C-alpha atoms as a PDB file:
ATOM      1  CA  UNK A   1      83.301 121.222 138.278  1.00  0.00           C
ATOM      2  CA  UNK A   2      83.233 117.971 136.304  1.00  0.00           C
ATOM      3  CA  UNK A   3      85.744 118.934 133.696  1.00  0.00           C
ATOM      4  CA  UNK A   4      88.679 119.699 136.366  1.00  0.00           C
ATOM      5  CA  UNK A   5      88.732 116.116 137.626  1.00  0.00           C
ATOM      6  CA  UNK A   6      88.715 114.422 134.070  1.00  0.00           C
ATOM      7  CA  UNK A   7      91.843 117.110 132.967  1.00  0.00           C
ATOM      8  CA  UNK A   8      93.969 116.529 135.828  1.00  0.00           C
ATOM      9  CA  UNK A   9      93.653 112.762 135.891  1.00  0.00           C
ATOM     10  CA  UNK A  10      96.680 110.812 136.471  1.00  0.00           C
ATOM     11  CA  UNK A  11      95.791 108.298 133.580  1.00  0.00           C
ATOM     12  CA  UNK A  12      94.504 109.798 130.496  1.00  0.00           C
ATOM     13  CA  UNK A  13      91.383 108.198 129.560  1.00  0.00           C
ATOM     14  CA  UNK A  14      90.760 106.205 126.258  1.00  0.00           C
ATOM     15  CA  UNK A  15      90.011 107.174 122.601  1.00  0.00           C
ATOM     16  CA  UNK A  16      86.391 107.367 121.761  1.00  0.00           C
ATOM     17  CA  UNK A  17      85.589 105.385 118.432  1.00  0.00           C
ATOM     18  CA  UNK A  18      86.017 108.816 116.138  1.00  0.00           C
ATOM     19  CA  UNK A  19      89.325 109.684 117.492  1.00  0.00           C
ATOM     20  CA  UNK A  20      90.398 106.089 117.267  1.00  0.00           C
ATOM     21  CA  UNK A  21      89.345 106.023 113.610  1.00  0.00           C
ATOM     22  CA  UNK A  22      91.225 108.943 113.233  1.00  0.00           C
ATOM     23  CA  UNK A  23      94.348 107.842 114.499  1.00  0.00           C
ATOM     24  CA  UNK A  24      94.198 104.704 112.315  1.00  0.00           C
ATOM     25  CA  UNK A  25      94.252 107.059 109.468  1.00  0.00           C
ATOM     26  CA  UNK A  26      96.726 108.891 110.163  1.00  0.00           C
ATOM     27  CA  UNK A  27      99.139 106.289 111.295  1.00  0.00           C
ATOM     28  CA  UNK A  28      98.001 104.764 107.619  1.00  0.00           C
ATOM     29  CA  UNK A  29      98.956 107.909 105.704  1.00  0.00           C
ATOM     30  CA  UNK A  30     101.813 108.186 107.322  1.00  0.00           C
ATOM     31  CA  UNK A  31     102.956 104.311 106.681  1.00  0.00           C
ATOM     32  CA  UNK A  32     102.164 104.844 103.023  1.00  0.00           C
ATOM     33  CA  UNK A  33     103.950 107.921 103.102  1.00  0.00           C
ATOM     34  CA  UNK A  34     106.695 106.603 104.411  1.00  0.00           C
ATOM     35  CA  UNK A  35     107.054 103.794 101.705  1.00  0.00           C
ATOM     36  CA  UNK A  36     107.508 105.834  99.507  1.00  0.00           C
ATOM     37  CA  UNK A  37     110.744 107.707 101.201  1.00  0.00           C
ATOM     38  CA  UNK A  38     108.626 111.059 102.090  1.00  0.00           C
ATOM     39  CA  UNK A  39     108.162 112.984 105.232  1.00  0.00           C
ATOM     40  CA  UNK A  40     105.199 115.289 106.333  1.00  0.00           C
ATOM     41  CA  UNK A  41     106.547 117.039 109.078  1.00  0.00           C
ATOM     42  CA  UNK A  42     102.886 118.025 110.534  1.00  0.00           C
ATOM     43  CA  UNK A  43     101.864 114.437 109.739  1.00  0.00           C
ATOM     44  CA  UNK A  44     104.783 112.872 112.351  1.00  0.00           C
ATOM     45  CA  UNK A  45     103.428 115.258 114.662  1.00  0.00           C
ATOM     46  CA  UNK A  46      99.937 114.524 114.410  1.00  0.00           C
ATOM     47  CA  UNK A  47     100.435 111.149 114.739  1.00  0.00           C
ATOM     48  CA  UNK A  48     102.957 111.321 117.515  1.00  0.00           C
ATOM     49  CA  UNK A  49     100.137 113.175 119.105  1.00  0.00           C
ATOM     50  CA  UNK A  50      97.657 109.775 119.092  1.00  0.00           C
ATOM     51  CA  UNK A  51     100.447 107.899 120.493  1.00  0.00           C
ATOM     52  CA  UNK A  52      99.672 107.863 124.364  1.00  0.00           C
ATOM     53  CA  UNK A  53     102.293 106.509 126.510  1.00  0.00           C
ATOM     54  CA  UNK A  54     100.940 103.702 129.154  1.00  0.00           C
ATOM     55  CA  UNK A  55     101.469 104.182 132.446  1.00  0.00           C
ATOM     56  CA  UNK A  56     104.636 101.956 134.398  1.00  0.00           C
ATOM     57  CA  UNK A  57     102.577  99.419 136.639  1.00  0.00           C
ATOM     58  CA  UNK A  58     102.965  99.829 140.146  1.00  0.00           C
END
């Protein structure tokens, strides 16, 4: 069951190219909207999902 080990890893895996592009586009849209003084809760939620915290060094 390879899928179980990949889900339960402590360190999240790096995003592939498509996920990275999606996150960059979402961040760009959020920045443009924020520059005009606007805010979109859904856009904020989605960009929050792209920000995976780095693990603390041991």
